[in-house]
N, C-alpha and C. Protein backbone atom coordinates (compact mmCIF):
# COMPACT_ATOMS: atom_id res chain seq x y z
N MET A 1 -0.81 15.87 -62.36
CA MET A 1 0.55 16.47 -62.27
C MET A 1 1.59 15.43 -61.89
N LEU A 2 1.22 14.56 -60.90
CA LEU A 2 2.16 13.63 -60.34
C LEU A 2 2.65 12.68 -61.47
N VAL A 3 1.75 12.31 -62.40
CA VAL A 3 2.01 11.43 -63.60
C VAL A 3 2.99 12.19 -64.37
N VAL A 4 2.88 13.35 -64.70
CA VAL A 4 3.75 14.10 -65.55
C VAL A 4 5.21 14.17 -64.94
N VAL A 5 5.27 14.47 -63.66
CA VAL A 5 6.51 14.55 -62.96
C VAL A 5 7.26 13.22 -62.83
N VAL A 6 6.47 12.20 -62.60
CA VAL A 6 7.06 10.84 -62.56
C VAL A 6 7.59 10.41 -63.99
N LEU A 7 6.76 10.59 -64.94
CA LEU A 7 7.18 10.24 -66.36
C LEU A 7 8.37 10.98 -66.73
N SER A 8 8.43 12.24 -66.48
CA SER A 8 9.65 13.04 -66.82
C SER A 8 10.83 12.54 -66.17
N PHE A 9 10.67 12.14 -64.90
CA PHE A 9 11.87 11.61 -64.10
C PHE A 9 12.34 10.33 -64.68
N VAL A 10 11.38 9.38 -64.90
CA VAL A 10 11.75 8.15 -65.54
C VAL A 10 12.43 8.25 -66.83
N LEU A 11 11.90 9.10 -67.67
CA LEU A 11 12.46 9.26 -68.98
C LEU A 11 13.82 9.78 -69.06
N THR A 12 14.20 10.69 -68.00
CA THR A 12 15.49 11.13 -67.98
C THR A 12 16.49 10.40 -67.15
N GLU A 13 16.02 9.67 -66.14
CA GLU A 13 16.85 8.87 -65.27
C GLU A 13 17.17 7.39 -65.71
N LEU A 14 16.02 6.89 -66.41
CA LEU A 14 16.22 5.40 -66.79
C LEU A 14 17.35 5.18 -67.80
N PRO A 15 17.52 5.93 -68.81
CA PRO A 15 18.67 5.58 -69.71
C PRO A 15 20.03 5.58 -69.03
N GLN A 16 20.18 6.57 -68.10
CA GLN A 16 21.40 6.62 -67.40
C GLN A 16 21.60 5.41 -66.44
N GLY A 17 20.52 5.06 -65.78
CA GLY A 17 20.61 3.91 -64.84
C GLY A 17 20.80 2.63 -65.58
N VAL A 18 20.20 2.44 -66.76
CA VAL A 18 20.38 1.16 -67.53
C VAL A 18 21.87 1.15 -68.02
N LEU A 19 22.43 2.31 -68.44
CA LEU A 19 23.72 2.31 -68.99
C LEU A 19 24.79 2.07 -67.78
N ALA A 20 24.42 2.67 -66.55
CA ALA A 20 25.38 2.29 -65.39
C ALA A 20 25.36 0.83 -65.08
N LEU A 21 24.13 0.22 -65.09
CA LEU A 21 24.16 -1.28 -64.89
C LEU A 21 24.82 -1.99 -65.91
N ALA A 22 24.60 -1.63 -67.16
CA ALA A 22 25.33 -2.37 -68.24
C ALA A 22 26.83 -2.13 -68.18
N SER A 23 27.19 -0.92 -67.77
CA SER A 23 28.68 -0.66 -67.66
C SER A 23 29.31 -1.45 -66.56
N ALA A 24 28.47 -1.81 -65.47
CA ALA A 24 29.06 -2.66 -64.45
C ALA A 24 29.26 -4.07 -64.83
N VAL A 25 28.48 -4.48 -65.89
CA VAL A 25 28.74 -5.84 -66.37
C VAL A 25 29.83 -5.91 -67.37
N ASP A 26 29.93 -4.91 -68.28
CA ASP A 26 30.89 -4.89 -69.38
C ASP A 26 31.66 -3.59 -69.43
N GLN A 27 32.95 -3.57 -69.27
CA GLN A 27 33.69 -2.37 -69.35
C GLN A 27 33.69 -1.74 -70.68
N ARG A 28 33.45 -2.48 -71.76
CA ARG A 28 33.47 -1.84 -73.10
C ARG A 28 32.27 -1.04 -73.29
N ILE A 29 31.14 -1.26 -72.62
CA ILE A 29 29.98 -0.40 -72.70
C ILE A 29 30.11 0.89 -72.02
N PHE A 30 30.88 0.82 -70.91
CA PHE A 30 31.34 2.10 -70.32
C PHE A 30 32.13 2.95 -71.20
N ASP A 31 33.26 2.33 -71.76
CA ASP A 31 34.12 3.14 -72.63
C ASP A 31 33.40 3.52 -73.89
N ASN A 32 32.73 2.85 -74.52
CA ASN A 32 32.07 3.04 -75.88
C ASN A 32 30.81 3.80 -75.87
N VAL A 33 29.95 3.57 -74.78
CA VAL A 33 28.69 4.32 -74.79
C VAL A 33 28.59 5.24 -73.73
N TYR A 34 28.92 4.89 -72.35
CA TYR A 34 28.64 5.65 -71.24
C TYR A 34 29.47 7.00 -71.29
N VAL A 35 30.69 6.79 -71.57
CA VAL A 35 31.65 8.00 -71.62
C VAL A 35 31.22 9.12 -72.62
N PRO A 36 30.84 8.67 -73.89
CA PRO A 36 30.52 9.71 -74.83
C PRO A 36 29.08 10.29 -74.47
N LEU A 37 28.16 9.49 -73.84
CA LEU A 37 26.78 10.06 -73.69
C LEU A 37 26.53 10.47 -72.22
N GLY A 38 27.57 10.38 -71.30
CA GLY A 38 27.30 10.67 -69.96
C GLY A 38 26.90 12.18 -69.76
N ASP A 39 27.62 13.12 -70.43
CA ASP A 39 27.22 14.47 -70.36
C ASP A 39 25.85 14.83 -70.88
N VAL A 40 25.42 14.00 -71.88
CA VAL A 40 24.08 14.22 -72.41
C VAL A 40 23.05 13.83 -71.27
N TRP A 41 23.24 12.76 -70.69
CA TRP A 41 22.29 12.22 -69.68
C TRP A 41 22.35 13.28 -68.47
N ASP A 42 23.51 13.76 -68.18
CA ASP A 42 23.59 14.76 -67.00
C ASP A 42 22.83 16.06 -67.38
N VAL A 43 22.86 16.51 -68.56
CA VAL A 43 22.08 17.64 -69.04
C VAL A 43 20.58 17.29 -68.97
N LEU A 44 20.17 16.18 -69.34
CA LEU A 44 18.79 15.79 -69.30
C LEU A 44 18.28 15.76 -67.90
N VAL A 45 19.05 15.29 -66.92
CA VAL A 45 18.64 15.37 -65.50
C VAL A 45 18.54 16.78 -65.05
N LEU A 46 19.47 17.65 -65.47
CA LEU A 46 19.31 19.09 -65.02
C LEU A 46 18.13 19.72 -65.64
N ILE A 47 17.84 19.41 -66.83
CA ILE A 47 16.60 19.97 -67.50
C ILE A 47 15.37 19.37 -66.80
N ASN A 48 15.39 18.20 -66.37
CA ASN A 48 14.24 17.65 -65.68
C ASN A 48 14.02 18.37 -64.48
N SER A 49 15.09 18.65 -63.67
CA SER A 49 14.97 19.38 -62.39
C SER A 49 14.36 20.69 -62.60
N SER A 50 14.75 21.47 -63.65
CA SER A 50 14.18 22.74 -63.88
C SER A 50 12.75 22.65 -64.36
N ALA A 51 12.52 21.69 -65.09
CA ALA A 51 11.19 21.51 -65.58
C ALA A 51 10.14 21.12 -64.52
N ASN A 52 10.67 20.38 -63.52
CA ASN A 52 9.80 20.07 -62.39
C ASN A 52 9.26 21.29 -61.66
N PHE A 53 10.25 22.27 -61.46
CA PHE A 53 9.85 23.44 -60.86
C PHE A 53 8.70 24.13 -61.61
N ILE A 54 8.89 24.25 -62.98
CA ILE A 54 8.01 24.90 -63.83
C ILE A 54 6.60 24.08 -63.84
N LEU A 55 6.74 22.83 -63.85
CA LEU A 55 5.45 22.06 -63.75
C LEU A 55 4.70 22.25 -62.41
N TYR A 56 5.37 22.38 -61.25
CA TYR A 56 4.75 22.57 -60.17
C TYR A 56 4.07 24.02 -60.05
N CYS A 57 4.90 24.96 -60.58
CA CYS A 57 4.24 26.34 -60.56
C CYS A 57 3.09 26.38 -61.46
N SER A 58 3.10 25.79 -62.60
CA SER A 58 1.99 25.91 -63.60
C SER A 58 0.79 25.02 -63.20
N MET A 59 1.00 23.96 -62.54
CA MET A 59 -0.12 22.98 -62.21
C MET A 59 -0.73 23.06 -60.87
N SER A 60 -0.10 23.67 -59.92
CA SER A 60 -0.46 23.62 -58.50
C SER A 60 -0.55 25.01 -57.97
N ALA A 61 -1.89 25.41 -57.71
CA ALA A 61 -2.17 26.65 -57.04
C ALA A 61 -1.68 26.71 -55.65
N GLN A 62 -1.71 25.56 -54.91
CA GLN A 62 -1.22 25.47 -53.56
C GLN A 62 0.35 25.65 -53.59
N PHE A 63 1.03 25.16 -54.54
CA PHE A 63 2.41 25.29 -54.56
C PHE A 63 2.79 26.85 -54.82
N ARG A 64 2.07 27.41 -55.83
CA ARG A 64 2.33 28.84 -56.03
C ARG A 64 2.14 29.71 -54.89
N ALA A 65 0.95 29.45 -54.11
CA ALA A 65 0.69 30.29 -53.01
C ALA A 65 1.67 30.10 -51.78
N THR A 66 2.09 28.85 -51.70
CA THR A 66 3.13 28.56 -50.61
C THR A 66 4.56 29.28 -51.01
N PHE A 67 4.80 29.09 -52.27
CA PHE A 67 6.10 29.68 -52.85
C PHE A 67 6.07 31.15 -52.63
N LYS A 68 4.90 31.85 -52.91
CA LYS A 68 4.84 33.35 -52.78
C LYS A 68 4.91 33.70 -51.27
N ARG A 69 4.29 32.84 -50.49
CA ARG A 69 4.27 33.24 -49.01
C ARG A 69 5.62 33.03 -48.40
N VAL A 70 6.37 31.99 -48.76
CA VAL A 70 7.64 31.68 -48.17
C VAL A 70 8.79 32.67 -48.82
N PHE A 71 8.59 32.96 -49.95
CA PHE A 71 9.70 33.74 -50.61
C PHE A 71 9.25 35.21 -50.99
N SER A 72 8.28 35.76 -50.23
CA SER A 72 7.91 37.07 -50.55
C SER A 72 8.86 38.02 -50.14
N VAL A 73 9.05 39.09 -50.86
CA VAL A 73 9.93 40.17 -50.56
C VAL A 73 9.31 41.32 -50.06
N HIS A 74 9.65 41.79 -48.97
CA HIS A 74 9.08 43.07 -48.29
C HIS A 74 10.10 44.14 -48.34
N SER A 75 9.76 45.27 -48.69
CA SER A 75 10.77 46.36 -48.82
C SER A 75 11.32 46.87 -47.51
N ASP A 76 10.55 46.62 -46.44
CA ASP A 76 11.04 47.14 -45.13
C ASP A 76 11.94 46.02 -44.42
N ARG A 77 11.90 44.83 -44.79
CA ARG A 77 12.72 43.73 -44.05
C ARG A 77 13.49 42.91 -44.94
N GLY A 78 13.44 43.15 -46.33
CA GLY A 78 14.26 42.27 -47.16
C GLY A 78 13.40 40.96 -47.40
N MET A 79 14.14 39.83 -47.73
CA MET A 79 13.52 38.64 -47.92
C MET A 79 13.10 37.99 -46.56
N ARG A 80 11.88 37.49 -46.48
CA ARG A 80 11.41 36.78 -45.25
C ARG A 80 11.19 35.32 -45.61
N VAL A 81 11.67 34.45 -44.84
CA VAL A 81 11.32 33.04 -45.04
C VAL A 81 10.70 32.44 -43.75
N GLN A 82 9.70 31.74 -43.99
CA GLN A 82 8.96 31.08 -42.88
C GLN A 82 9.20 29.72 -42.76
N ILE A 83 9.68 29.24 -41.54
CA ILE A 83 10.06 27.86 -41.39
C ILE A 83 9.42 27.41 -40.03
N ASP A 84 8.57 26.50 -40.13
CA ASP A 84 7.89 26.03 -38.82
C ASP A 84 7.31 27.14 -38.01
N GLY A 85 6.56 28.07 -38.75
CA GLY A 85 5.91 29.13 -38.16
C GLY A 85 6.74 30.29 -37.78
N GLN A 86 8.01 30.31 -37.79
CA GLN A 86 8.93 31.26 -37.52
C GLN A 86 9.43 32.05 -38.70
N LEU A 87 9.35 33.42 -38.61
CA LEU A 87 9.86 34.22 -39.74
C LEU A 87 11.29 34.60 -39.61
N TYR A 88 11.99 34.30 -40.65
CA TYR A 88 13.52 34.67 -40.60
C TYR A 88 13.85 35.66 -41.67
């Protein structure tokens, strides 16, 4: 699972990072490449963030159990969140 998460992060963040570095060296790269593609890279990062949650839920039984325990909804008290052993 960690390999998949890291690979998806690198694939979505690396192009934007390379373009940011190249833009720092040459203003024309910023104007001709970064400005038109900036929104595309931002959407890729947002998709990666959403995909990470889905990956964690689908691949980790411990994550699912903790998520259910932390965000369980009880009809008598509403949503209960446990932080450091305290229920809120």
